[in-house]
N, C-alpha and C. Protein backbone atom coordinates (compact mmCIF):
# COMPACT_ATOMS: atom_id res chain seq x y z
N MET A 1 0.83 -1.19 0.00
CA MET A 1 0.00 0.00 0.00
C MET A 1 0.87 1.25 0.00
N ASN A 2 0.29 2.35 -0.42
CA ASN A 2 0.99 3.63 -0.42
C ASN A 2 2.33 3.57 -1.14
N ASN A 3 2.32 2.99 -2.33
CA ASN A 3 3.52 2.91 -3.17
C ASN A 3 4.69 2.22 -2.51
N GLY A 4 4.41 1.27 -1.63
CA GLY A 4 5.47 0.51 -1.00
C GLY A 4 5.78 0.93 0.42
N ALA A 5 5.02 1.86 0.98
CA ALA A 5 5.25 2.26 2.37
C ALA A 5 4.76 1.19 3.34
N LEU A 6 3.82 0.36 2.91
CA LEU A 6 3.26 -0.66 3.78
C LEU A 6 2.94 -1.92 2.98
N ALA A 7 3.39 -3.06 3.47
CA ALA A 7 3.05 -4.35 2.86
C ALA A 7 2.54 -5.25 3.97
N ARG A 8 1.38 -5.86 3.74
CA ARG A 8 0.76 -6.72 4.75
C ARG A 8 0.38 -8.07 4.13
N SER A 9 0.32 -9.07 4.99
CA SER A 9 -0.14 -10.39 4.58
C SER A 9 -1.03 -10.93 5.69
N ALA A 10 -2.27 -11.23 5.35
CA ALA A 10 -3.25 -11.75 6.31
C ALA A 10 -3.29 -10.91 7.59
N GLY A 11 -3.29 -9.60 7.43
CA GLY A 11 -3.38 -8.69 8.56
C GLY A 11 -2.07 -8.41 9.28
N GLU A 12 -1.02 -9.12 8.92
CA GLU A 12 0.29 -8.94 9.56
C GLU A 12 1.14 -7.96 8.73
N THR A 13 1.73 -6.99 9.40
CA THR A 13 2.61 -6.05 8.72
C THR A 13 3.95 -6.72 8.45
N ILE A 14 4.31 -6.77 7.19
CA ILE A 14 5.56 -7.39 6.77
C ILE A 14 6.63 -6.33 6.52
N TYR A 15 6.21 -5.18 6.04
CA TYR A 15 7.16 -4.10 5.70
C TYR A 15 6.46 -2.77 5.90
N SER A 16 7.12 -1.84 6.57
CA SER A 16 6.56 -0.49 6.70
C SER A 16 7.67 0.54 6.77
N ARG A 17 7.50 1.58 6.00
CA ARG A 17 8.44 2.70 5.97
C ARG A 17 7.62 3.98 5.87
N PHE A 18 7.23 4.47 7.04
CA PHE A 18 6.39 5.65 7.09
C PHE A 18 7.19 6.92 7.36
N ILE A 19 6.53 8.04 7.16
CA ILE A 19 7.11 9.35 7.44
C ILE A 19 6.62 9.79 8.81
N PRO A 20 7.53 10.17 9.73
CA PRO A 20 7.10 10.62 11.06
C PRO A 20 6.14 11.81 10.98
N ALA A 21 5.18 11.85 11.88
CA ALA A 21 4.12 12.86 11.88
C ALA A 21 4.67 14.29 11.96
N ASP A 22 5.73 14.52 12.74
CA ASP A 22 6.25 15.89 12.86
C ASP A 22 6.80 16.41 11.53
N ILE A 23 7.40 15.54 10.75
CA ILE A 23 7.92 15.95 9.44
C ILE A 23 6.76 16.24 8.50
N VAL A 24 5.74 15.39 8.53
CA VAL A 24 4.57 15.60 7.68
C VAL A 24 3.88 16.91 8.04
N GLN A 25 3.73 17.17 9.33
CA GLN A 25 3.08 18.41 9.76
C GLN A 25 3.85 19.63 9.27
N SER A 26 5.16 19.57 9.33
CA SER A 26 5.99 20.67 8.85
C SER A 26 5.79 20.89 7.34
N LEU A 27 5.80 19.82 6.57
CA LEU A 27 5.56 19.92 5.13
C LEU A 27 4.17 20.48 4.84
N PHE A 28 3.19 19.97 5.57
CA PHE A 28 1.81 20.40 5.37
C PHE A 28 1.67 21.89 5.67
N ASN A 29 2.29 22.35 6.75
CA ASN A 29 2.24 23.77 7.11
C ASN A 29 2.88 24.65 6.03
N GLU A 30 4.02 24.22 5.51
CA GLU A 30 4.70 24.98 4.45
C GLU A 30 3.84 25.05 3.20
N CYS A 31 3.18 23.97 2.86
CA CYS A 31 2.31 23.96 1.69
C CYS A 31 1.11 24.89 1.89
N LYS A 32 0.56 24.86 3.09
CA LYS A 32 -0.59 25.72 3.40
C LYS A 32 -0.21 27.19 3.26
N ILE A 33 0.95 27.55 3.78
CA ILE A 33 1.44 28.93 3.68
C ILE A 33 1.57 29.35 2.22
N ARG A 34 2.06 28.44 1.39
CA ARG A 34 2.30 28.73 -0.03
C ARG A 34 1.07 28.44 -0.91
N LYS A 35 -0.04 28.07 -0.29
CA LYS A 35 -1.29 27.76 -1.00
C LYS A 35 -1.12 26.62 -2.01
N ILE A 36 -0.34 25.61 -1.60
CA ILE A 36 -0.15 24.40 -2.39
C ILE A 36 -1.12 23.36 -1.85
N ASP A 37 -1.94 22.77 -2.73
CA ASP A 37 -2.95 21.79 -2.35
C ASP A 37 -2.28 20.46 -2.01
N ALA A 38 -2.24 20.12 -0.71
CA ALA A 38 -1.54 18.92 -0.25
C ALA A 38 -2.45 18.08 0.64
N GLY A 39 -2.08 16.81 0.78
CA GLY A 39 -2.83 15.89 1.63
C GLY A 39 -1.92 14.78 2.13
N VAL A 40 -2.43 13.99 3.04
CA VAL A 40 -1.65 12.90 3.61
C VAL A 40 -2.48 11.63 3.69
N SER A 41 -1.78 10.51 3.68
CA SER A 41 -2.38 9.20 3.90
C SER A 41 -1.90 8.74 5.27
N LEU A 42 -2.78 8.80 6.27
CA LEU A 42 -2.37 8.52 7.65
C LEU A 42 -2.49 7.05 8.02
N HIS A 43 -1.53 6.62 8.84
CA HIS A 43 -1.54 5.28 9.45
C HIS A 43 -1.14 5.50 10.91
N GLY A 44 -2.11 5.75 11.74
CA GLY A 44 -1.80 6.06 13.13
C GLY A 44 -1.11 7.40 13.23
N ALA A 45 0.02 7.44 13.89
CA ALA A 45 0.75 8.69 14.08
C ALA A 45 1.70 9.00 12.93
N GLU A 46 1.75 8.12 11.94
CA GLU A 46 2.67 8.32 10.82
C GLU A 46 1.88 8.37 9.52
N THR A 47 2.58 8.71 8.45
CA THR A 47 1.93 8.75 7.14
C THR A 47 2.70 7.92 6.14
N GLY A 48 1.96 7.27 5.27
CA GLY A 48 2.57 6.50 4.20
C GLY A 48 3.09 7.40 3.11
N LYS A 49 2.30 8.41 2.78
CA LYS A 49 2.76 9.37 1.78
C LYS A 49 2.09 10.72 1.99
N PHE A 50 2.77 11.71 1.51
CA PHE A 50 2.32 13.09 1.53
C PHE A 50 2.19 13.47 0.06
N TRP A 51 1.05 13.99 -0.36
CA TRP A 51 0.90 14.28 -1.77
C TRP A 51 0.50 15.71 -2.06
N ILE A 52 0.76 16.10 -3.30
CA ILE A 52 0.45 17.44 -3.80
C ILE A 52 -0.33 17.27 -5.09
N GLU A 53 -1.55 17.77 -5.11
CA GLU A 53 -2.41 17.69 -6.30
C GLU A 53 -1.96 18.71 -7.34
N GLY A 54 -1.95 18.31 -8.60
CA GLY A 54 -1.63 19.24 -9.69
C GLY A 54 -0.27 19.87 -9.53
N CYS A 55 0.71 19.09 -9.19
CA CYS A 55 2.05 19.58 -8.87
C CYS A 55 2.68 20.34 -10.06
N THR A 56 3.14 21.54 -9.78
CA THR A 56 3.80 22.37 -10.79
C THR A 56 5.31 22.30 -10.61
N VAL A 57 6.04 22.85 -11.56
CA VAL A 57 7.50 22.92 -11.45
C VAL A 57 7.88 23.74 -10.22
N GLU A 58 7.17 24.81 -9.97
CA GLU A 58 7.45 25.66 -8.80
C GLU A 58 7.22 24.89 -7.50
N ASP A 59 6.13 24.12 -7.45
CA ASP A 59 5.85 23.29 -6.27
C ASP A 59 7.00 22.31 -6.04
N THR A 60 7.46 21.70 -7.11
CA THR A 60 8.53 20.71 -7.03
C THR A 60 9.79 21.32 -6.42
N VAL A 61 10.16 22.49 -6.87
CA VAL A 61 11.35 23.17 -6.35
C VAL A 61 11.20 23.45 -4.85
N ILE A 62 10.04 23.95 -4.46
CA ILE A 62 9.79 24.26 -3.05
C ILE A 62 9.84 23.00 -2.19
N ILE A 63 9.13 21.97 -2.60
CA ILE A 63 9.06 20.74 -1.81
C ILE A 63 10.43 20.09 -1.68
N LYS A 64 11.17 20.01 -2.76
CA LYS A 64 12.49 19.37 -2.71
C LYS A 64 13.43 20.08 -1.72
N LYS A 65 13.30 21.38 -1.59
CA LYS A 65 14.13 22.13 -0.64
C LYS A 65 13.77 21.81 0.81
N LEU A 66 12.54 21.37 1.04
CA LEU A 66 12.06 21.10 2.39
C LEU A 66 12.35 19.67 2.87
N LEU A 67 12.79 18.80 1.98
CA LEU A 67 12.94 17.38 2.31
C LEU A 67 14.23 17.06 3.05
N SER A 68 14.13 16.16 4.00
CA SER A 68 15.31 15.64 4.69
C SER A 68 15.90 14.52 3.85
N GLU A 69 17.05 14.03 4.23
CA GLU A 69 17.72 12.98 3.48
C GLU A 69 16.98 11.65 3.54
N ASN A 70 16.04 11.50 4.46
CA ASN A 70 15.28 10.25 4.58
C ASN A 70 14.04 10.21 3.71
N LEU A 71 13.84 11.25 2.90
CA LEU A 71 12.63 11.34 2.07
C LEU A 71 13.00 11.52 0.61
N TYR A 72 12.06 11.14 -0.27
CA TYR A 72 12.23 11.43 -1.69
C TYR A 72 10.92 11.95 -2.25
N PHE A 73 11.01 12.56 -3.41
CA PHE A 73 9.85 13.18 -4.06
C PHE A 73 9.74 12.62 -5.47
N THR A 74 8.54 12.24 -5.86
CA THR A 74 8.30 11.76 -7.22
C THR A 74 6.99 12.33 -7.72
N ILE A 75 6.87 12.40 -9.04
CA ILE A 75 5.64 12.91 -9.64
C ILE A 75 5.08 11.83 -10.56
N ALA A 76 3.82 11.52 -10.37
CA ALA A 76 3.13 10.55 -11.22
C ALA A 76 2.69 11.23 -12.51
N ASN A 77 2.27 10.42 -13.45
CA ASN A 77 1.84 10.90 -14.75
C ASN A 77 0.74 11.95 -14.68
N ASP A 78 -0.12 11.88 -13.68
CA ASP A 78 -1.24 12.82 -13.56
C ASP A 78 -0.90 14.06 -12.74
N ARG A 79 0.40 14.35 -12.59
CA ARG A 79 0.92 15.50 -11.85
C ARG A 79 0.63 15.42 -10.35
N LEU A 80 0.50 14.20 -9.85
CA LEU A 80 0.36 14.00 -8.42
C LEU A 80 1.77 13.86 -7.86
N GLY A 81 2.19 14.87 -7.09
CA GLY A 81 3.50 14.83 -6.45
C GLY A 81 3.40 14.06 -5.15
N MET A 82 4.39 13.20 -4.87
CA MET A 82 4.35 12.39 -3.66
C MET A 82 5.69 12.45 -2.94
N VAL A 83 5.60 12.70 -1.63
CA VAL A 83 6.77 12.63 -0.76
C VAL A 83 6.67 11.32 -0.01
N MET A 84 7.75 10.55 -0.06
CA MET A 84 7.76 9.23 0.56
C MET A 84 9.05 9.05 1.36
N HIS A 85 9.01 8.10 2.29
CA HIS A 85 10.22 7.67 2.98
C HIS A 85 11.15 7.09 1.92
N LYS A 86 12.46 7.30 2.05
CA LYS A 86 13.40 6.84 1.02
C LYS A 86 13.34 5.33 0.79
N ASP A 87 12.92 4.57 1.78
CA ASP A 87 12.82 3.12 1.63
C ASP A 87 11.41 2.64 1.33
N ALA A 88 10.50 3.56 1.08
CA ALA A 88 9.12 3.21 0.72
C ALA A 88 9.01 3.15 -0.79
N THR A 89 9.38 2.00 -1.34
CA THR A 89 9.25 1.80 -2.78
C THR A 89 8.53 0.48 -3.01
N LYS A 90 7.91 0.37 -4.15
CA LYS A 90 7.19 -0.85 -4.46
C LYS A 90 8.13 -2.05 -4.53
N ALA A 91 9.32 -1.85 -5.08
CA ALA A 91 10.28 -2.96 -5.18
C ALA A 91 10.67 -3.46 -3.80
N LYS A 92 10.96 -2.57 -2.87
CA LYS A 92 11.38 -2.99 -1.53
C LYS A 92 10.25 -3.72 -0.80
N ALA A 93 9.03 -3.27 -1.00
CA ALA A 93 7.89 -3.96 -0.38
C ALA A 93 7.70 -5.35 -1.00
N VAL A 94 7.84 -5.45 -2.31
CA VAL A 94 7.72 -6.75 -2.98
C VAL A 94 8.83 -7.69 -2.52
N ILE A 95 10.03 -7.18 -2.39
CA ILE A 95 11.16 -8.00 -1.92
C ILE A 95 10.86 -8.54 -0.52
N ALA A 96 10.35 -7.70 0.36
CA ALA A 96 10.02 -8.13 1.72
C ALA A 96 8.93 -9.21 1.72
N LEU A 97 7.90 -9.01 0.90
CA LEU A 97 6.83 -10.01 0.82
C LEU A 97 7.34 -11.33 0.23
N ALA A 98 8.17 -11.24 -0.79
CA ALA A 98 8.71 -12.45 -1.41
C ALA A 98 9.55 -13.23 -0.40
N LYS A 99 10.35 -12.53 0.37
CA LYS A 99 11.16 -13.19 1.40
C LYS A 99 10.25 -13.86 2.44
N TYR A 100 9.23 -13.15 2.87
CA TYR A 100 8.28 -13.67 3.86
C TYR A 100 7.59 -14.93 3.36
N TRP A 101 7.18 -14.93 2.09
CA TRP A 101 6.45 -16.05 1.51
C TRP A 101 7.36 -17.13 0.93
N GLY A 102 8.68 -16.86 0.89
CA GLY A 102 9.61 -17.83 0.32
C GLY A 102 9.52 -17.92 -1.20
N ILE A 103 9.29 -16.80 -1.84
CA ILE A 103 9.17 -16.74 -3.30
C ILE A 103 10.46 -16.16 -3.88
N SER A 104 10.99 -16.80 -4.92
CA SER A 104 12.21 -16.28 -5.54
C SER A 104 11.87 -15.14 -6.50
N GLN A 105 12.85 -14.33 -6.78
CA GLN A 105 12.68 -13.19 -7.68
C GLN A 105 12.15 -13.63 -9.04
N SER A 106 12.63 -14.75 -9.53
CA SER A 106 12.22 -15.23 -10.85
C SER A 106 10.74 -15.62 -10.90
N GLU A 107 10.12 -15.85 -9.75
CA GLU A 107 8.71 -16.24 -9.69
C GLU A 107 7.76 -15.06 -9.58
N ILE A 108 8.30 -13.87 -9.49
CA ILE A 108 7.48 -12.67 -9.29
C ILE A 108 7.06 -12.07 -10.63
N VAL A 109 5.76 -11.78 -10.75
CA VAL A 109 5.21 -11.05 -11.88
C VAL A 109 4.65 -9.76 -11.31
N ALA A 110 5.03 -8.64 -11.89
CA ALA A 110 4.54 -7.33 -11.43
C ALA A 110 3.95 -6.58 -12.62
N PHE A 111 2.92 -5.78 -12.34
CA PHE A 111 2.24 -5.00 -13.37
C PHE A 111 2.32 -3.53 -12.97
N GLY A 112 2.46 -2.64 -13.97
CA GLY A 112 2.50 -1.22 -13.65
C GLY A 112 2.27 -0.35 -14.87
N ASP A 113 2.06 0.95 -14.59
CA ASP A 113 1.83 1.89 -15.68
C ASP A 113 2.46 3.26 -15.48
N ASP A 114 2.99 3.53 -14.29
CA ASP A 114 3.49 4.88 -14.00
C ASP A 114 4.93 4.83 -13.50
N LEU A 115 5.54 5.99 -13.39
CA LEU A 115 6.96 6.09 -13.04
C LEU A 115 7.30 5.39 -11.73
N TYR A 116 6.44 5.47 -10.73
CA TYR A 116 6.74 4.86 -9.43
C TYR A 116 6.64 3.34 -9.47
N ASP A 117 6.29 2.76 -10.61
CA ASP A 117 6.25 1.30 -10.77
C ASP A 117 7.56 0.74 -11.34
N ILE A 118 8.40 1.59 -11.88
CA ILE A 118 9.59 1.13 -12.61
C ILE A 118 10.50 0.26 -11.75
N ASP A 119 10.77 0.63 -10.52
CA ASP A 119 11.68 -0.18 -9.70
C ASP A 119 11.13 -1.58 -9.46
N MET A 120 9.84 -1.69 -9.26
CA MET A 120 9.19 -2.98 -9.05
C MET A 120 9.21 -3.82 -10.33
N LEU A 121 8.90 -3.19 -11.45
CA LEU A 121 8.88 -3.90 -12.73
C LEU A 121 10.28 -4.39 -13.11
N SER A 122 11.29 -3.60 -12.81
CA SER A 122 12.67 -3.97 -13.10
C SER A 122 13.14 -5.11 -12.21
N TYR A 123 12.67 -5.14 -10.98
CA TYR A 123 13.06 -6.18 -10.03
C TYR A 123 12.39 -7.52 -10.33
N ALA A 124 11.14 -7.49 -10.69
CA ALA A 124 10.35 -8.71 -10.85
C ALA A 124 10.96 -9.64 -11.90
N GLY A 125 10.72 -10.93 -11.73
CA GLY A 125 11.14 -11.89 -12.73
C GLY A 125 10.52 -11.57 -14.08
N ILE A 126 9.25 -11.16 -14.05
CA ILE A 126 8.56 -10.68 -15.25
C ILE A 126 7.89 -9.36 -14.90
N GLY A 127 8.30 -8.30 -15.56
CA GLY A 127 7.68 -6.99 -15.39
C GLY A 127 6.77 -6.74 -16.58
N VAL A 128 5.50 -6.47 -16.30
CA VAL A 128 4.52 -6.28 -17.37
C VAL A 128 3.96 -4.86 -17.28
N ALA A 129 4.15 -4.10 -18.34
CA ALA A 129 3.60 -2.74 -18.41
C ALA A 129 2.22 -2.80 -19.04
N MET A 130 1.37 -1.91 -18.60
CA MET A 130 0.05 -1.78 -19.21
C MET A 130 0.23 -1.10 -20.57
N GLU A 131 -0.65 -1.39 -21.50
CA GLU A 131 -0.58 -0.81 -22.84
C GLU A 131 -0.58 0.72 -22.81
N ASN A 132 -1.29 1.29 -21.85
CA ASN A 132 -1.37 2.75 -21.73
C ASN A 132 -0.30 3.32 -20.80
N ALA A 133 0.71 2.53 -20.46
CA ALA A 133 1.79 2.98 -19.57
C ALA A 133 2.66 4.02 -20.27
N LEU A 134 3.37 4.78 -19.45
CA LEU A 134 4.35 5.72 -19.99
C LEU A 134 5.45 4.95 -20.72
N ASP A 135 6.05 5.58 -21.71
CA ASP A 135 7.11 4.92 -22.48
C ASP A 135 8.26 4.44 -21.60
N GLU A 136 8.61 5.22 -20.57
CA GLU A 136 9.70 4.83 -19.66
C GLU A 136 9.35 3.54 -18.92
N VAL A 137 8.09 3.38 -18.60
CA VAL A 137 7.63 2.18 -17.89
C VAL A 137 7.69 0.97 -18.83
N LYS A 138 7.25 1.16 -20.06
CA LYS A 138 7.33 0.07 -21.04
C LYS A 138 8.78 -0.35 -21.26
N ALA A 139 9.68 0.62 -21.32
CA ALA A 139 11.10 0.32 -21.54
C ALA A 139 11.70 -0.49 -20.39
N ALA A 140 11.18 -0.30 -19.18
CA ALA A 140 11.69 -1.01 -18.01
C ALA A 140 11.06 -2.39 -17.84
N SER A 141 10.10 -2.71 -18.67
CA SER A 141 9.33 -3.95 -18.54
C SER A 141 9.77 -5.00 -19.55
N ASN A 142 9.45 -6.25 -19.23
CA ASN A 142 9.73 -7.34 -20.16
C ASN A 142 8.64 -7.48 -21.22
N LEU A 143 7.40 -7.18 -20.82
CA LEU A 143 6.24 -7.39 -21.68
C LEU A 143 5.24 -6.24 -21.51
N VAL A 144 4.28 -6.19 -22.42
CA VAL A 144 3.19 -5.22 -22.35
C VAL A 144 1.88 -5.99 -22.49
N CYS A 145 0.88 -5.64 -21.65
CA CYS A 145 -0.44 -6.25 -21.77
C CYS A 145 -1.45 -5.15 -22.10
N MET A 146 -2.70 -5.53 -22.29
CA MET A 146 -3.74 -4.56 -22.62
C MET A 146 -3.93 -3.56 -21.47
N THR A 147 -4.71 -2.52 -21.71
CA THR A 147 -4.97 -1.49 -20.71
C THR A 147 -5.85 -2.03 -19.58
N ASN A 148 -5.90 -1.28 -18.48
CA ASN A 148 -6.80 -1.64 -17.37
C ASN A 148 -8.25 -1.65 -17.84
N ASP A 149 -8.60 -0.71 -18.69
CA ASP A 149 -9.98 -0.63 -19.20
C ASP A 149 -10.37 -1.89 -19.97
N ASN A 150 -9.38 -2.59 -20.50
CA ASN A 150 -9.63 -3.82 -21.25
C ASN A 150 -9.24 -5.06 -20.43
N ASP A 151 -9.23 -4.92 -19.11
CA ASP A 151 -8.90 -6.04 -18.21
C ASP A 151 -7.54 -6.66 -18.53
N GLY A 152 -6.56 -5.80 -18.82
CA GLY A 152 -5.24 -6.26 -19.23
C GLY A 152 -4.58 -7.25 -18.29
N ILE A 153 -4.62 -6.99 -17.00
CA ILE A 153 -3.99 -7.90 -16.03
C ILE A 153 -4.71 -9.24 -16.02
N ALA A 154 -6.03 -9.22 -15.94
CA ALA A 154 -6.81 -10.47 -15.90
C ALA A 154 -6.56 -11.29 -17.17
N GLU A 155 -6.57 -10.63 -18.31
CA GLU A 155 -6.35 -11.34 -19.57
C GLU A 155 -4.94 -11.92 -19.63
N TRP A 156 -3.94 -11.15 -19.19
CA TRP A 156 -2.56 -11.64 -19.19
C TRP A 156 -2.44 -12.87 -18.28
N LEU A 157 -3.04 -12.79 -17.10
CA LEU A 157 -2.98 -13.93 -16.18
C LEU A 157 -3.68 -15.15 -16.75
N LYS A 158 -4.83 -14.97 -17.38
CA LYS A 158 -5.54 -16.11 -17.98
C LYS A 158 -4.66 -16.81 -19.02
N VAL A 159 -4.05 -16.04 -19.88
CA VAL A 159 -3.26 -16.60 -20.98
C VAL A 159 -1.94 -17.20 -20.47
N ASN A 160 -1.26 -16.50 -19.55
CA ASN A 160 0.10 -16.86 -19.19
C ASN A 160 0.23 -17.70 -17.91
N ILE A 161 -0.74 -17.65 -17.04
CA ILE A 161 -0.64 -18.39 -15.77
C ILE A 161 -1.68 -19.50 -15.70
N CYS A 162 -2.93 -19.15 -15.92
CA CYS A 162 -4.02 -20.12 -15.78
C CYS A 162 -3.97 -21.25 -16.79
N ASN A 163 -3.44 -20.99 -17.96
CA ASN A 163 -3.40 -22.00 -19.02
C ASN A 163 -2.14 -22.86 -18.97
N ASN A 164 -1.28 -22.62 -17.98
CA ASN A 164 -0.03 -23.39 -17.89
C ASN A 164 -0.13 -24.49 -16.86
């Protein structure tokens, strides 16, 4: 969940890399002062991610100056800016789950369409980009399947997993 900030299995937390509440509050206050539309995804006293709607180049410059070395900033295709813990990535969460379940890297299939999926797609034994994915995502993937609107993941699984 939250782009790799939290991974759970049967209600048990396997991996978590949250942002401390005091840091989030500081970022939120700075955004409010600058009239930047921001929000948080809370998990108790911590947050999985801090986001900025409609992120502009100016917003990016401001936010990056406010970040500590334990945080990173990324922008999704829809201009959603996200501040995350440096170890909150989809690949790191998948690695933790695979270790927990005893699954090797070669057995992992991952699907994605946006920039924050690239590390996971590159790590997986098979990285599958959605047909409507960004070109950078397709380049980092082994294969491409149909779009979400066309049930791309379900169709890929039917053809490649269920029929084997």
